[in-house]
Amino acid sequence: MMTTETFLMTKLLRELKQMNDFLAVEQTRGLALMKATPLQRMMWPVFCNQLFKS
């Protein structure tokens, strides 16, 4: 059974893959974030924190 954290990270990575799809199309991170869903926008800082915490 997956822990909540693992589950959230998995879900988050799936969201970020979608975000990357529009980053690839648009190059501009700001524009992509503006078009991101509220969930993606909310989780972006969380993901960055996880990334740089190590």
PDB file of N, CA and C in Angstrom:
ATOM      1  N   MET A   1       0.837  -1.209   0.000  1.00  0.00           N
ATOM      2  CA  MET A   1       0.000   0.000   0.000  1.00  0.00           C
ATOM      3  C   MET A   1       0.874   1.263   0.000  1.00  0.00           C
ATOM      4  N   MET A   2       0.456   2.230  -0.768  1.00  0.00           N
ATOM      5  CA  MET A   2       1.240   3.466  -0.891  1.00  0.00           C
ATOM      6  C   MET A   2       0.993   4.406   0.282  1.00  0.00           C
ATOM      7  N   THR A   3       2.029   5.073   0.709  1.00  0.00           N
ATOM      8  CA  THR A   3       1.832   6.109   1.709  1.00  0.00           C
ATOM      9  C   THR A   3       1.186   7.318   1.040  1.00  0.00           C
ATOM     10  N   THR A   4       0.585   8.164   1.852  1.00  0.00           N
ATOM     11  CA  THR A   4      -0.060   9.364   1.322  1.00  0.00           C
ATOM     12  C   THR A   4       0.943  10.209   0.561  1.00  0.00           C
ATOM     13  N   GLU A   5       2.131  10.332   1.114  1.00  0.00           N
ATOM     14  CA  GLU A   5       3.158  11.164   0.487  1.00  0.00           C
ATOM     15  C   GLU A   5       3.545  10.624  -0.888  1.00  0.00           C
ATOM     16  N   THR A   6       3.734   9.316  -0.956  1.00  0.00           N
ATOM     17  CA  THR A   6       4.067   8.691  -2.239  1.00  0.00           C
ATOM     18  C   THR A   6       2.965   8.930  -3.242  1.00  0.00           C
ATOM     19  N   PHE A   7       1.737   8.736  -2.781  1.00  0.00           N
ATOM     20  CA  PHE A   7       0.583   8.950  -3.645  1.00  0.00           C
ATOM     21  C   PHE A   7       0.553  10.378  -4.172  1.00  0.00           C
ATOM     22  N   LEU A   8       0.762  11.343  -3.280  1.00  0.00           N
ATOM     23  CA  LEU A   8       0.730  12.740  -3.680  1.00  0.00           C
ATOM     24  C   LEU A   8       1.850  13.066  -4.665  1.00  0.00           C
ATOM     25  N   MET A   9       3.038  12.548  -4.406  1.00  0.00           N
ATOM     26  CA  MET A   9       4.150  12.813  -5.304  1.00  0.00           C
ATOM     27  C   MET A   9       3.892  12.224  -6.689  1.00  0.00           C
ATOM     28  N   THR A  10       3.293  11.014  -6.715  1.00  0.00           N
ATOM     29  CA  THR A  10       2.967  10.370  -7.985  1.00  0.00           C
ATOM     30  C   THR A  10       1.980  11.219  -8.761  1.00  0.00           C
ATOM     31  N   LYS A  11       0.950  11.664  -8.028  1.00  0.00           N
ATOM     32  CA  LYS A  11      -0.079  12.509  -8.636  1.00  0.00           C
ATOM     33  C   LYS A  11       0.552  13.814  -9.134  1.00  0.00           C
ATOM     34  N   LEU A  12       1.426  14.362  -8.312  1.00  0.00           N
ATOM     35  CA  LEU A  12       2.092  15.611  -8.642  1.00  0.00           C
ATOM     36  C   LEU A  12       2.957  15.471  -9.894  1.00  0.00           C
ATOM     37  N   LEU A  13       3.690  14.374  -9.978  1.00  0.00           N
ATOM     38  CA  LEU A  13       4.544  14.164 -11.145  1.00  0.00           C
ATOM     39  C   LEU A  13       3.714  14.049 -12.415  1.00  0.00           C
ATOM     40  N   ARG A  14       2.543  13.425 -12.285  1.00  0.00           N
ATOM     41  CA  ARG A  14       1.654  13.330 -13.439  1.00  0.00           C
ATOM     42  C   ARG A  14       1.194  14.725 -13.866  1.00  0.00           C
ATOM     43  N   GLU A  15       0.831  15.551 -12.876  1.00  0.00           N
ATOM     44  CA  GLU A  15       0.432  16.937 -13.160  1.00  0.00           C
ATOM     45  C   GLU A  15       1.571  17.704 -13.824  1.00  0.00           C
ATOM     46  N   LEU A  16       2.776  17.520 -13.289  1.00  0.00           N
ATOM     47  CA  LEU A  16       3.919  18.258 -13.818  1.00  0.00           C
ATOM     48  C   LEU A  16       4.266  17.829 -15.231  1.00  0.00           C
ATOM     49  N   LYS A  17       4.021  16.554 -15.539  1.00  0.00           N
ATOM     50  CA  LYS A  17       4.268  16.121 -16.903  1.00  0.00           C
ATOM     51  C   LYS A  17       3.360  16.905 -17.855  1.00  0.00           C
ATOM     52  N   GLN A  18       2.119  17.085 -17.464  1.00  0.00           N
ATOM     53  CA  GLN A  18       1.207  17.881 -18.280  1.00  0.00           C
ATOM     54  C   GLN A  18       1.717  19.309 -18.399  1.00  0.00           C
ATOM     55  N   MET A  19       2.203  19.849 -17.296  1.00  0.00           N
ATOM     56  CA  MET A  19       2.743  21.202 -17.328  1.00  0.00           C
ATOM     57  C   MET A  19       3.920  21.290 -18.282  1.00  0.00           C
ATOM     58  N   ASN A  20       4.799  20.292 -18.222  1.00  0.00           N
ATOM     59  CA  ASN A  20       5.955  20.269 -19.118  1.00  0.00           C
ATOM     60  C   ASN A  20       5.521  20.243 -20.566  1.00  0.00           C
ATOM     61  N   ASP A  21       4.410  19.556 -20.825  1.00  0.00           N
ATOM     62  CA  ASP A  21       3.914  19.539 -22.188  1.00  0.00           C
ATOM     63  C   ASP A  21       3.645  20.954 -22.655  1.00  0.00           C
ATOM     64  N   PHE A  22       3.017  21.802 -21.786  1.00  0.00           N
ATOM     65  CA  PHE A  22       2.901  23.135 -22.313  1.00  0.00           C
ATOM     66  C   PHE A  22       4.120  24.006 -22.172  1.00  0.00           C
ATOM     67  N   LEU A  23       5.017  23.659 -21.314  1.00  0.00           N
ATOM     68  CA  LEU A  23       6.281  24.400 -21.298  1.00  0.00           C
ATOM     69  C   LEU A  23       7.030  24.163 -22.605  1.00  0.00           C
ATOM     70  N   ALA A  24       6.976  22.948 -23.082  1.00  0.00           N
ATOM     71  CA  ALA A  24       7.644  22.623 -24.338  1.00  0.00           C
ATOM     72  C   ALA A  24       7.032  23.423 -25.489  1.00  0.00           C
ATOM     73  N   VAL A  25       5.716  23.525 -25.491  1.00  0.00           N
ATOM     74  CA  VAL A  25       5.044  24.269 -26.542  1.00  0.00           C
ATOM     75  C   VAL A  25       5.346  25.749 -26.407  1.00  0.00           C
ATOM     76  N   GLU A  26       5.336  26.239 -25.183  1.00  0.00           N
ATOM     77  CA  GLU A  26       5.390  27.687 -25.000  1.00  0.00           C
ATOM     78  C   GLU A  26       6.668  28.293 -24.483  1.00  0.00           C
ATOM     79  N   GLN A  27       7.624  27.469 -24.119  1.00  0.00           N
ATOM     80  CA  GLN A  27       8.897  28.003 -23.643  1.00  0.00           C
ATOM     81  C   GLN A  27       8.790  28.896 -22.416  1.00  0.00           C
ATOM     82  N   THR A  28       7.746  29.676 -22.305  1.00  0.00           N
ATOM     83  CA  THR A  28       7.659  30.647 -21.229  1.00  0.00           C
ATOM     84  C   THR A  28       6.986  30.055 -20.012  1.00  0.00           C
ATOM     85  N   ARG A  29       7.735  29.905 -18.941  1.00  0.00           N
ATOM     86  CA  ARG A  29       7.198  29.301 -17.739  1.00  0.00           C
ATOM     87  C   ARG A  29       6.032  30.112 -17.188  1.00  0.00           C
ATOM     88  N   GLY A  30       6.169  31.423 -17.215  1.00  0.00           N
ATOM     89  CA  GLY A  30       5.111  32.304 -16.710  1.00  0.00           C
ATOM     90  C   GLY A  30       3.796  32.091 -17.432  1.00  0.00           C
ATOM     91  N   LEU A  31       3.867  32.012 -18.743  1.00  0.00           N
ATOM     92  CA  LEU A  31       2.667  31.800 -19.547  1.00  0.00           C
ATOM     93  C   LEU A  31       2.042  30.448 -19.242  1.00  0.00           C
ATOM     94  N   ALA A  32       2.894  29.437 -19.135  1.00  0.00           N
ATOM     95  CA  ALA A  32       2.407  28.094 -18.845  1.00  0.00           C
ATOM     96  C   ALA A  32       1.724  28.063 -17.481  1.00  0.00           C
ATOM     97  N   LEU A  33       2.316  28.735 -16.501  1.00  0.00           N
ATOM     98  CA  LEU A  33       1.722  28.762 -15.172  1.00  0.00           C
ATOM     99  C   LEU A  33       0.395  29.500 -15.171  1.00  0.00           C
ATOM    100  N   MET A  34       0.285  30.542 -15.977  1.00  0.00           N
ATOM    101  CA  MET A  34      -0.969  31.268 -16.069  1.00  0.00           C
ATOM    102  C   MET A  34      -2.073  30.368 -16.599  1.00  0.00           C
ATOM    103  N   LYS A  35      -1.690  29.482 -17.526  1.00  0.00           N
ATOM    104  CA  LYS A  35      -2.669  28.580 -18.120  1.00  0.00           C
ATOM    105  C   LYS A  35      -2.864  27.295 -17.323  1.00  0.00           C
ATOM    106  N   ALA A  36      -2.027  27.093 -16.303  1.00  0.00           N
ATOM    107  CA  ALA A  36      -2.114  25.866 -15.517  1.00  0.00           C
ATOM    108  C   ALA A  36      -3.444  25.816 -14.775  1.00  0.00           C
ATOM    109  N   THR A  37      -3.872  24.597 -14.466  1.00  0.00           N
ATOM    110  CA  THR A  37      -5.070  24.443 -13.655  1.00  0.00           C
ATOM    111  C   THR A  37      -4.756  24.927 -12.243  1.00  0.00           C
ATOM    112  N   PRO A  38      -5.773  25.285 -11.479  1.00  0.00           N
ATOM    113  CA  PRO A  38      -5.546  25.712 -10.098  1.00  0.00           C
ATOM    114  C   PRO A  38      -4.768  24.669  -9.296  1.00  0.00           C
ATOM    115  N   LEU A  39      -5.049  23.396  -9.528  1.00  0.00           N
ATOM    116  CA  LEU A  39      -4.324  22.339  -8.820  1.00  0.00           C
ATOM    117  C   LEU A  39      -2.840  22.393  -9.141  1.00  0.00           C
ATOM    118  N   GLN A  40      -2.521  22.530 -10.420  1.00  0.00           N
ATOM    119  CA  GLN A  40      -1.120  22.596 -10.814  1.00  0.00           C
ATOM    120  C   GLN A  40      -0.449  23.822 -10.217  1.00  0.00           C
ATOM    121  N   ARG A  41      -1.172  24.944 -10.219  1.00  0.00           N
ATOM    122  CA  ARG A  41      -0.602  26.178  -9.706  1.00  0.00           C
ATOM    123  C   ARG A  41      -0.337  26.061  -8.211  1.00  0.00           C
ATOM    124  N   MET A  42      -1.252  25.419  -7.522  1.00  0.00           N
ATOM    125  CA  MET A  42      -1.132  25.229  -6.077  1.00  0.00           C
ATOM    126  C   MET A  42       0.036  24.315  -5.727  1.00  0.00           C
ATOM    127  N   MET A  43       0.235  23.284  -6.546  1.00  0.00           N
ATOM    128  CA  MET A  43       1.212  22.259  -6.209  1.00  0.00           C
ATOM    129  C   MET A  43       2.625  22.613  -6.654  1.00  0.00           C
ATOM    130  N   TRP A  44       2.741  23.574  -7.569  1.00  0.00           N
ATOM    131  CA  TRP A  44       4.051  23.954  -8.103  1.00  0.00           C
ATOM    132  C   TRP A  44       5.044  24.335  -7.012  1.00  0.00           C
ATOM    133  N   PRO A  45       4.690  25.252  -6.079  1.00  0.00           N
ATOM    134  CA  PRO A  45       5.629  25.621  -5.011  1.00  0.00           C
ATOM    135  C   PRO A  45       5.957  24.431  -4.114  1.00  0.00           C
ATOM    136  N   VAL A  46       4.974  23.586  -3.865  1.00  0.00           N
ATOM    137  CA  VAL A  46       5.187  22.394  -3.047  1.00  0.00           C
ATOM    138  C   VAL A  46       6.245  21.515  -3.698  1.00  0.00           C
ATOM    139  N   PHE A  47       6.103  21.326  -4.996  1.00  0.00           N
ATOM    140  CA  PHE A  47       7.056  20.503  -5.731  1.00  0.00           C
ATOM    141  C   PHE A  47       8.454  21.108  -5.666  1.00  0.00           C
ATOM    142  N   CYS A  48       8.552  22.413  -5.867  1.00  0.00           N
ATOM    143  CA  CYS A  48       9.852  23.076  -5.824  1.00  0.00           C
ATOM    144  C   CYS A  48      10.503  22.923  -4.452  1.00  0.00           C
ATOM    145  N   ASN A  49       9.695  23.054  -3.404  1.00  0.00           N
ATOM    146  CA  ASN A  49      10.217  22.864  -2.055  1.00  0.00           C
ATOM    147  C   ASN A  49      10.766  21.459  -1.870  1.00  0.00           C
ATOM    148  N   GLN A  50      10.034  20.461  -2.354  1.00  0.00           N
ATOM    149  CA  GLN A  50      10.478  19.076  -2.249  1.00  0.00           C
ATOM    150  C   GLN A  50      11.803  18.916  -2.991  1.00  0.00           C
ATOM    151  N   LEU A  51      11.887  19.535  -4.135  1.00  0.00           N
ATOM    152  CA  LEU A  51      13.044  19.413  -4.994  1.00  0.00           C
ATOM    153  C   LEU A  51      14.296  19.964  -4.331  1.00  0.00           C
ATOM    154  N   PHE A  52      14.161  21.139  -3.723  1.00  0.00           N
ATOM    155  CA  PHE A  52      15.346  21.814  -3.209  1.00  0.00           C
ATOM    156  C   PHE A  52      15.609  21.535  -1.735  1.00  0.00           C
ATOM    157  N   LYS A  53      14.720  20.759  -1.117  1.00  0.00           N
ATOM    158  CA  LYS A  53      14.890  20.468   0.307  1.00  0.00           C
ATOM    159  C   LYS A  53      16.082  19.543   0.542  1.00  0.00           C
ATOM    160  N   SER A  54      16.241  18.555  -0.327  1.00  0.00           N
ATOM    161  CA  SER A  54      17.305  17.561  -0.212  1.00  0.00           C
ATOM    162  C   SER A  54      18.644  18.203   0.131  1.00  0.00           C
TER     163      SER A  54
END
